[in-house]
N, C-alpha and C. Protein backbone atom coordinates (compact mmCIF):
# COMPACT_ATOMS: atom_id res chain seq x y z
N MET A 1 -18.15 -6.57 -12.46
CA MET A 1 -17.91 -6.19 -11.09
C MET A 1 -19.08 -6.55 -10.17
N PRO A 2 -20.35 -6.48 -10.60
CA PRO A 2 -21.44 -6.88 -9.71
C PRO A 2 -21.28 -8.34 -9.28
N GLY A 3 -21.47 -8.59 -8.00
CA GLY A 3 -21.34 -9.94 -7.47
C GLY A 3 -19.92 -10.39 -7.23
N GLN A 4 -18.97 -9.54 -7.54
CA GLN A 4 -17.56 -9.86 -7.39
C GLN A 4 -17.14 -9.69 -5.92
N SER A 5 -16.38 -10.65 -5.40
CA SER A 5 -15.84 -10.47 -4.05
C SER A 5 -14.76 -9.40 -4.10
N GLU A 6 -14.42 -8.89 -2.92
CA GLU A 6 -13.38 -7.87 -2.87
C GLU A 6 -12.05 -8.43 -3.36
N GLN A 7 -11.76 -9.68 -3.04
CA GLN A 7 -10.53 -10.30 -3.52
C GLN A 7 -10.53 -10.44 -5.04
N GLU A 8 -11.67 -10.80 -5.61
CA GLU A 8 -11.78 -10.89 -7.07
C GLU A 8 -11.59 -9.52 -7.72
N ALA A 9 -12.16 -8.49 -7.08
CA ALA A 9 -12.00 -7.12 -7.60
C ALA A 9 -10.53 -6.71 -7.54
N PHE A 10 -9.85 -7.07 -6.43
CA PHE A 10 -8.43 -6.77 -6.31
C PHE A 10 -7.64 -7.50 -7.39
N ASN A 11 -7.98 -8.76 -7.64
CA ASN A 11 -7.29 -9.52 -8.68
C ASN A 11 -7.48 -8.87 -10.06
N GLU A 12 -8.68 -8.39 -10.33
CA GLU A 12 -8.93 -7.72 -11.60
C GLU A 12 -8.13 -6.42 -11.69
N LEU A 13 -8.10 -5.68 -10.60
CA LEU A 13 -7.31 -4.44 -10.58
C LEU A 13 -5.82 -4.76 -10.73
N SER A 14 -5.38 -5.86 -10.14
CA SER A 14 -3.98 -6.29 -10.29
C SER A 14 -3.64 -6.56 -11.75
N TYR A 15 -4.56 -7.19 -12.45
CA TYR A 15 -4.33 -7.44 -13.88
C TYR A 15 -4.11 -6.11 -14.60
N TYR A 16 -4.94 -5.13 -14.26
CA TYR A 16 -4.80 -3.80 -14.88
C TYR A 16 -3.44 -3.19 -14.56
N THR A 17 -3.04 -3.21 -13.29
CA THR A 17 -1.79 -2.54 -12.91
C THR A 17 -0.57 -3.31 -13.40
N LEU A 18 -0.63 -4.62 -13.42
CA LEU A 18 0.52 -5.40 -13.88
C LEU A 18 0.73 -5.29 -15.39
N SER A 19 -0.36 -4.99 -16.12
CA SER A 19 -0.22 -4.84 -17.57
C SER A 19 -0.04 -3.37 -17.96
N HIS A 20 0.05 -2.51 -16.97
CA HIS A 20 0.19 -1.07 -17.20
C HIS A 20 1.58 -0.77 -17.77
N ALA A 21 1.63 0.11 -18.76
CA ALA A 21 2.90 0.42 -19.41
C ALA A 21 3.76 1.42 -18.63
N ASP A 22 3.20 2.07 -17.62
CA ASP A 22 3.94 3.08 -16.86
C ASP A 22 5.11 2.44 -16.12
N PRO A 23 6.33 2.92 -16.33
CA PRO A 23 7.49 2.34 -15.65
C PRO A 23 7.51 2.63 -14.14
N ALA A 24 6.60 3.49 -13.66
CA ALA A 24 6.54 3.78 -12.22
C ALA A 24 6.09 2.56 -11.42
N PHE A 25 5.49 1.57 -12.06
CA PHE A 25 5.04 0.33 -11.43
C PHE A 25 3.97 0.62 -10.37
N ILE A 26 2.80 1.10 -10.83
CA ILE A 26 1.71 1.45 -9.92
C ILE A 26 1.11 0.24 -9.21
N HIS A 27 1.44 -0.94 -9.66
CA HIS A 27 0.95 -2.15 -8.98
C HIS A 27 1.34 -2.16 -7.50
N GLN A 28 2.53 -1.67 -7.20
CA GLN A 28 3.00 -1.67 -5.81
C GLN A 28 2.06 -0.86 -4.91
N TYR A 29 1.51 0.22 -5.45
CA TYR A 29 0.61 1.06 -4.66
C TYR A 29 -0.64 0.30 -4.23
N ILE A 30 -1.21 -0.49 -5.14
CA ILE A 30 -2.44 -1.21 -4.79
C ILE A 30 -2.14 -2.35 -3.82
N VAL A 31 -0.99 -2.98 -3.96
CA VAL A 31 -0.62 -4.06 -3.03
C VAL A 31 -0.53 -3.51 -1.61
N ASP A 32 0.14 -2.38 -1.44
CA ASP A 32 0.30 -1.80 -0.10
C ASP A 32 -1.01 -1.25 0.44
N ALA A 33 -1.79 -0.58 -0.41
CA ALA A 33 -3.08 -0.03 0.04
C ALA A 33 -4.02 -1.16 0.47
N TYR A 34 -4.10 -2.20 -0.32
CA TYR A 34 -4.99 -3.32 0.00
C TYR A 34 -4.55 -4.02 1.29
N ALA A 35 -3.26 -4.25 1.43
CA ALA A 35 -2.76 -4.93 2.63
C ALA A 35 -3.03 -4.11 3.89
N ALA A 36 -2.78 -2.82 3.83
CA ALA A 36 -3.02 -1.97 5.01
C ALA A 36 -4.51 -1.83 5.30
N GLN A 37 -5.31 -1.77 4.26
CA GLN A 37 -6.74 -1.60 4.44
C GLN A 37 -7.40 -2.86 5.00
N HIS A 38 -6.83 -4.02 4.74
CA HIS A 38 -7.42 -5.28 5.16
C HIS A 38 -6.67 -5.96 6.30
N ALA A 39 -5.72 -5.29 6.89
CA ALA A 39 -4.98 -5.88 8.01
C ALA A 39 -5.93 -6.13 9.18
N ASP A 40 -5.67 -7.23 9.86
CA ASP A 40 -6.45 -7.54 11.07
C ASP A 40 -5.54 -8.19 12.11
N GLU A 41 -6.13 -8.66 13.18
CA GLU A 41 -5.35 -9.24 14.28
C GLU A 41 -4.52 -10.45 13.85
N LYS A 42 -4.94 -11.11 12.78
CA LYS A 42 -4.23 -12.30 12.29
C LYS A 42 -3.11 -11.95 11.32
N SER A 43 -3.05 -10.71 10.86
CA SER A 43 -2.02 -10.31 9.90
C SER A 43 -0.65 -10.34 10.54
N LYS A 44 0.32 -10.81 9.80
CA LYS A 44 1.69 -10.85 10.31
C LYS A 44 2.23 -9.43 10.42
N PRO A 45 2.99 -9.14 11.47
CA PRO A 45 3.55 -7.80 11.63
C PRO A 45 4.36 -7.33 10.43
N ILE A 46 5.08 -8.24 9.78
CA ILE A 46 5.89 -7.85 8.62
C ILE A 46 5.00 -7.35 7.47
N LYS A 47 3.84 -7.97 7.28
CA LYS A 47 2.93 -7.56 6.20
C LYS A 47 2.42 -6.14 6.44
N ILE A 48 2.03 -5.86 7.68
CA ILE A 48 1.53 -4.51 8.00
C ILE A 48 2.66 -3.50 7.91
N ALA A 49 3.83 -3.83 8.44
CA ALA A 49 4.97 -2.91 8.40
C ALA A 49 5.35 -2.59 6.96
N PHE A 50 5.44 -3.60 6.11
CA PHE A 50 5.81 -3.37 4.71
C PHE A 50 4.76 -2.51 4.01
N ALA A 51 3.48 -2.80 4.25
CA ALA A 51 2.42 -2.01 3.61
C ALA A 51 2.49 -0.56 4.04
N LEU A 52 2.66 -0.33 5.34
CA LEU A 52 2.71 1.05 5.85
C LEU A 52 3.97 1.77 5.39
N ILE A 53 5.10 1.09 5.38
CA ILE A 53 6.33 1.71 4.88
C ILE A 53 6.17 2.04 3.39
N GLY A 54 5.55 1.14 2.64
CA GLY A 54 5.31 1.40 1.22
C GLY A 54 4.42 2.62 1.01
N LEU A 55 3.34 2.73 1.80
CA LEU A 55 2.46 3.90 1.68
C LEU A 55 3.20 5.17 2.09
N TYR A 56 3.98 5.08 3.15
CA TYR A 56 4.77 6.24 3.61
C TYR A 56 5.72 6.71 2.50
N LEU A 57 6.45 5.77 1.92
CA LEU A 57 7.41 6.14 0.88
C LEU A 57 6.71 6.73 -0.34
N HIS A 58 5.56 6.16 -0.69
CA HIS A 58 4.81 6.65 -1.85
C HIS A 58 4.17 8.02 -1.58
N ILE A 59 3.42 8.13 -0.51
CA ILE A 59 2.64 9.35 -0.25
C ILE A 59 3.51 10.47 0.32
N GLU A 60 4.32 10.16 1.30
CA GLU A 60 5.10 11.21 1.97
C GLU A 60 6.41 11.55 1.26
N LYS A 61 7.06 10.53 0.70
CA LYS A 61 8.38 10.73 0.10
C LYS A 61 8.37 10.69 -1.42
N HIS A 62 7.19 10.46 -2.00
CA HIS A 62 6.99 10.51 -3.45
C HIS A 62 7.83 9.48 -4.21
N TYR A 63 8.03 8.32 -3.60
CA TYR A 63 8.72 7.23 -4.29
C TYR A 63 7.80 6.66 -5.37
N SER A 64 8.38 6.25 -6.48
CA SER A 64 7.61 5.53 -7.49
C SER A 64 7.36 4.12 -6.96
N GLY A 65 6.44 3.42 -7.59
CA GLY A 65 6.17 2.04 -7.20
C GLY A 65 7.40 1.17 -7.34
N LYS A 66 8.20 1.42 -8.36
CA LYS A 66 9.43 0.67 -8.57
C LYS A 66 10.41 0.92 -7.42
N GLU A 67 10.51 2.18 -6.97
CA GLU A 67 11.39 2.50 -5.84
C GLU A 67 10.89 1.87 -4.55
N VAL A 68 9.57 1.86 -4.36
CA VAL A 68 9.00 1.21 -3.17
C VAL A 68 9.29 -0.29 -3.23
N GLN A 69 9.12 -0.88 -4.40
CA GLN A 69 9.40 -2.31 -4.56
C GLN A 69 10.86 -2.61 -4.20
N LYS A 70 11.78 -1.79 -4.66
CA LYS A 70 13.20 -1.99 -4.34
C LYS A 70 13.44 -1.84 -2.84
N ALA A 71 12.76 -0.88 -2.22
CA ALA A 71 12.89 -0.71 -0.76
C ALA A 71 12.38 -1.95 -0.04
N HIS A 72 11.26 -2.51 -0.50
CA HIS A 72 10.74 -3.74 0.10
C HIS A 72 11.74 -4.89 -0.03
N MET A 73 12.38 -4.98 -1.19
CA MET A 73 13.36 -6.05 -1.39
C MET A 73 14.54 -5.89 -0.43
N ARG A 74 14.97 -4.65 -0.22
CA ARG A 74 16.05 -4.40 0.73
C ARG A 74 15.60 -4.72 2.15
N LEU A 75 14.38 -4.35 2.50
CA LEU A 75 13.85 -4.63 3.83
C LEU A 75 13.75 -6.14 4.08
N ALA A 76 13.36 -6.87 3.05
CA ALA A 76 13.18 -8.32 3.19
C ALA A 76 14.49 -9.03 3.52
N LYS A 77 15.61 -8.42 3.17
CA LYS A 77 16.90 -9.02 3.46
C LYS A 77 17.31 -8.84 4.91
N LYS A 78 16.60 -7.99 5.63
CA LYS A 78 16.91 -7.72 7.02
C LYS A 78 16.11 -8.65 7.91
N LYS A 79 16.78 -9.33 8.81
CA LYS A 79 16.09 -10.11 9.83
C LYS A 79 15.75 -9.14 10.93
N LYS A 80 14.48 -9.00 11.21
CA LYS A 80 14.06 -8.00 12.17
C LYS A 80 12.78 -8.45 12.86
N GLN A 81 12.64 -8.03 14.08
CA GLN A 81 11.37 -8.19 14.78
C GLN A 81 10.53 -6.97 14.39
N TRP A 82 9.48 -7.18 13.65
CA TRP A 82 8.67 -6.07 13.16
C TRP A 82 7.71 -5.62 14.25
N PRO A 83 7.54 -4.30 14.40
CA PRO A 83 6.66 -3.80 15.46
C PRO A 83 5.19 -4.07 15.16
N LEU A 84 4.41 -4.04 16.21
CA LEU A 84 2.97 -4.14 16.07
C LEU A 84 2.39 -2.75 15.92
N PHE A 85 1.36 -2.63 15.15
CA PHE A 85 0.68 -1.35 14.94
C PHE A 85 -0.76 -1.48 15.41
N ASP A 86 -1.27 -0.43 16.04
CA ASP A 86 -2.68 -0.40 16.43
C ASP A 86 -3.52 -0.28 15.16
N LEU A 87 -4.49 -1.16 15.04
CA LEU A 87 -5.34 -1.19 13.86
C LEU A 87 -6.40 -0.09 13.97
N PRO A 88 -6.45 0.83 13.02
CA PRO A 88 -7.48 1.87 13.07
C PRO A 88 -8.86 1.29 12.74
N ALA A 89 -9.88 1.86 13.32
CA ALA A 89 -11.25 1.39 13.06
C ALA A 89 -11.64 1.68 11.61
N ASN A 90 -11.35 2.88 11.13
CA ASN A 90 -11.64 3.28 9.76
C ASN A 90 -10.38 3.08 8.93
N ARG A 91 -10.49 2.47 7.78
CA ARG A 91 -9.33 2.20 6.92
C ARG A 91 -9.30 3.02 5.66
N GLY A 92 -10.08 4.08 5.62
CA GLY A 92 -10.08 4.94 4.44
C GLY A 92 -11.44 4.95 3.78
N ASN A 93 -11.70 6.01 3.05
CA ASN A 93 -13.01 6.20 2.41
C ASN A 93 -13.06 5.67 0.99
N ILE A 94 -11.94 5.17 0.50
CA ILE A 94 -11.86 4.64 -0.86
C ILE A 94 -11.40 3.20 -0.76
N GLY A 95 -11.96 2.35 -1.59
CA GLY A 95 -11.57 0.94 -1.60
C GLY A 95 -11.39 0.44 -3.02
N VAL A 96 -11.10 -0.83 -3.12
CA VAL A 96 -10.81 -1.44 -4.42
C VAL A 96 -11.99 -1.32 -5.38
N TYR A 97 -13.24 -1.43 -4.88
CA TYR A 97 -14.40 -1.30 -5.77
C TYR A 97 -14.46 0.10 -6.39
N ASN A 98 -14.17 1.12 -5.57
CA ASN A 98 -14.18 2.50 -6.10
C ASN A 98 -13.17 2.65 -7.23
N VAL A 99 -11.98 2.12 -7.02
CA VAL A 99 -10.92 2.26 -8.01
C VAL A 99 -11.27 1.48 -9.27
N LEU A 100 -11.72 0.26 -9.10
CA LEU A 100 -12.05 -0.57 -10.25
C LEU A 100 -13.23 0.01 -11.04
N GLY A 101 -14.10 0.73 -10.36
CA GLY A 101 -15.24 1.36 -11.02
C GLY A 101 -14.90 2.63 -11.77
N THR A 102 -13.65 3.05 -11.70
CA THR A 102 -13.19 4.25 -12.40
C THR A 102 -12.67 3.87 -13.77
N GLU A 103 -12.91 4.72 -14.73
CA GLU A 103 -12.49 4.47 -16.11
C GLU A 103 -10.99 4.17 -16.19
N PRO A 104 -10.61 3.10 -16.90
CA PRO A 104 -9.19 2.79 -17.07
C PRO A 104 -8.42 3.95 -17.71
N GLY A 105 -7.14 4.02 -17.42
CA GLY A 105 -6.29 5.09 -17.94
C GLY A 105 -6.02 6.10 -16.84
N PRO A 106 -5.77 7.34 -17.22
CA PRO A 106 -5.43 8.37 -16.22
C PRO A 106 -6.44 8.50 -15.07
N PRO A 107 -7.78 8.40 -15.34
CA PRO A 107 -8.71 8.51 -14.21
C PRO A 107 -8.51 7.39 -13.16
N ARG A 108 -8.31 6.16 -13.62
CA ARG A 108 -8.09 5.05 -12.69
C ARG A 108 -6.74 5.19 -11.99
N ASP A 109 -5.74 5.64 -12.71
CA ASP A 109 -4.42 5.82 -12.11
C ASP A 109 -4.49 6.87 -10.98
N ARG A 110 -5.26 7.94 -11.22
CA ARG A 110 -5.46 8.95 -10.16
C ARG A 110 -6.22 8.34 -8.98
N ALA A 111 -7.21 7.51 -9.28
CA ALA A 111 -7.99 6.86 -8.23
C ALA A 111 -7.10 5.95 -7.38
N ILE A 112 -6.11 5.31 -7.98
CA ILE A 112 -5.17 4.47 -7.23
C ILE A 112 -4.38 5.33 -6.26
N LYS A 113 -3.92 6.48 -6.73
CA LYS A 113 -3.18 7.40 -5.85
C LYS A 113 -4.08 7.90 -4.72
N GLU A 114 -5.32 8.23 -5.04
CA GLU A 114 -6.26 8.70 -4.02
C GLU A 114 -6.57 7.60 -3.01
N TRP A 115 -6.68 6.37 -3.47
CA TRP A 115 -6.91 5.23 -2.58
C TRP A 115 -5.73 5.09 -1.62
N SER A 116 -4.53 5.11 -2.17
CA SER A 116 -3.32 5.00 -1.33
C SER A 116 -3.30 6.10 -0.27
N ALA A 117 -3.60 7.33 -0.68
CA ALA A 117 -3.59 8.46 0.25
C ALA A 117 -4.68 8.31 1.32
N SER A 118 -5.84 7.79 0.92
CA SER A 118 -6.94 7.59 1.86
C SER A 118 -6.58 6.55 2.92
N VAL A 119 -5.97 5.46 2.49
CA VAL A 119 -5.56 4.41 3.43
C VAL A 119 -4.45 4.93 4.33
N TRP A 120 -3.48 5.63 3.76
CA TRP A 120 -2.38 6.18 4.56
C TRP A 120 -2.94 7.13 5.62
N GLU A 121 -3.87 7.98 5.25
CA GLU A 121 -4.47 8.93 6.19
C GLU A 121 -5.21 8.18 7.31
N ALA A 122 -5.84 7.08 6.98
CA ALA A 122 -6.57 6.30 7.99
C ALA A 122 -5.63 5.77 9.08
N TRP A 123 -4.38 5.59 8.74
CA TRP A 123 -3.38 5.10 9.69
C TRP A 123 -2.61 6.26 10.33
N SER A 124 -3.20 7.44 10.39
CA SER A 124 -2.50 8.65 10.84
C SER A 124 -1.90 8.51 12.24
N GLU A 125 -2.51 7.73 13.10
CA GLU A 125 -1.97 7.53 14.46
C GLU A 125 -0.62 6.81 14.42
N SER A 126 -0.32 6.14 13.33
CA SER A 126 0.94 5.38 13.20
C SER A 126 1.98 6.08 12.34
N HIS A 127 1.67 7.24 11.81
CA HIS A 127 2.59 7.91 10.88
C HIS A 127 3.98 8.11 11.46
N SER A 128 4.08 8.63 12.66
CA SER A 128 5.42 8.90 13.21
C SER A 128 6.16 7.59 13.49
N LYS A 129 5.44 6.57 13.92
CA LYS A 129 6.06 5.26 14.17
C LYS A 129 6.60 4.66 12.87
N VAL A 130 5.85 4.81 11.79
CA VAL A 130 6.28 4.29 10.48
C VAL A 130 7.49 5.09 9.98
N ALA A 131 7.44 6.41 10.10
CA ALA A 131 8.56 7.25 9.66
C ALA A 131 9.82 6.91 10.46
N ASP A 132 9.67 6.73 11.77
CA ASP A 132 10.83 6.37 12.60
C ASP A 132 11.39 5.01 12.20
N LEU A 133 10.50 4.06 11.94
CA LEU A 133 10.92 2.72 11.53
C LEU A 133 11.66 2.78 10.19
N ALA A 134 11.12 3.51 9.25
CA ALA A 134 11.78 3.64 7.94
C ALA A 134 13.15 4.28 8.09
N GLN A 135 13.24 5.31 8.91
CA GLN A 135 14.52 5.99 9.13
C GLN A 135 15.52 5.05 9.80
N LEU A 136 15.08 4.33 10.80
CA LEU A 136 15.95 3.40 11.51
C LEU A 136 16.49 2.32 10.56
N ILE A 137 15.64 1.80 9.75
CA ILE A 137 16.03 0.75 8.81
C ILE A 137 16.99 1.32 7.77
N TRP A 138 16.72 2.52 7.27
CA TRP A 138 17.58 3.10 6.25
C TRP A 138 18.98 3.39 6.79
N ILE A 139 19.07 3.74 8.04
CA ILE A 139 20.37 3.98 8.64
C ILE A 139 21.18 2.69 8.67
N ARG A 140 20.52 1.57 8.89
CA ARG A 140 21.21 0.28 8.99
C ARG A 140 21.48 -0.36 7.64
N ILE A 141 20.83 0.11 6.59
CA ILE A 141 21.00 -0.52 5.27
C ILE A 141 22.27 -0.01 4.62
């Protein structure tokens, strides 16, 4: 991990989550947390919307990663103009290095959940907008 770029650390964490035996598919959580945490002015609206909807479904609605993944697949079939979100200055107190530095197994899995929650909380100004968007989309699906 020393000298590793954040992208390299994310790739290493991805290897861990993709090889994880848990059928909940925790890989989806890190994809959404990383995307939301690293969004900037150049990020496509669809990427931010999907990441925030994924975090909302995971943290607020307790969807498994597999359920979030299925929701993303359903969303991808919809042609939609995705809304813009105001980028928060702080993106959470936990990042990929923190998670990767945690012992593999249950401690790291908990750290992934804490990371997701930290990033979701950082976007608190957008929570109602994300919930409304998810509800609107679900009504149309």
